[in-house]
Amino acid sequence: MNTMPRFSPVRVVRHSTGEIKTVGNADDAWKTLLDDWPADEGSCFMSALLICMDVQRGERPPEEARLAFIAAAVEAGVPLLS
C-alpha cells in the first residue's frame, strides 16, 4: 500500500510518449523526473529531485515537492495541463 502523502495533482505531457501523466505525490514526481524528463540537468531539476527525496523521508511537506516539480517542468519546457 502506498502511504506517500499526496499533493494536488499535476498533469504533464510525457516526454517519451506524448501521453498525459498525472503526478500526485513526491514518489511519482521523483520517478517522472528520473525516467521521463527531457533533460537531466538544470537547477530546478536538481532541486526538485532533492526536495522529492526530502519529502519521501518525511523531512518536508508534500506541497514543496509539487512546487519544485512544477518549477522543473517550466525550466525544461514540459507542458503542464490544468
Foldseek 3Di string as FASTA:
>chain_A
DDPQDWDDWWWWQFQPPRDIDIDTFLVSLLCSLVPTAPDCDDPLSVVLNVVSVCSVVVNDPGVVNVVSSVVVCVVRVIDIDD
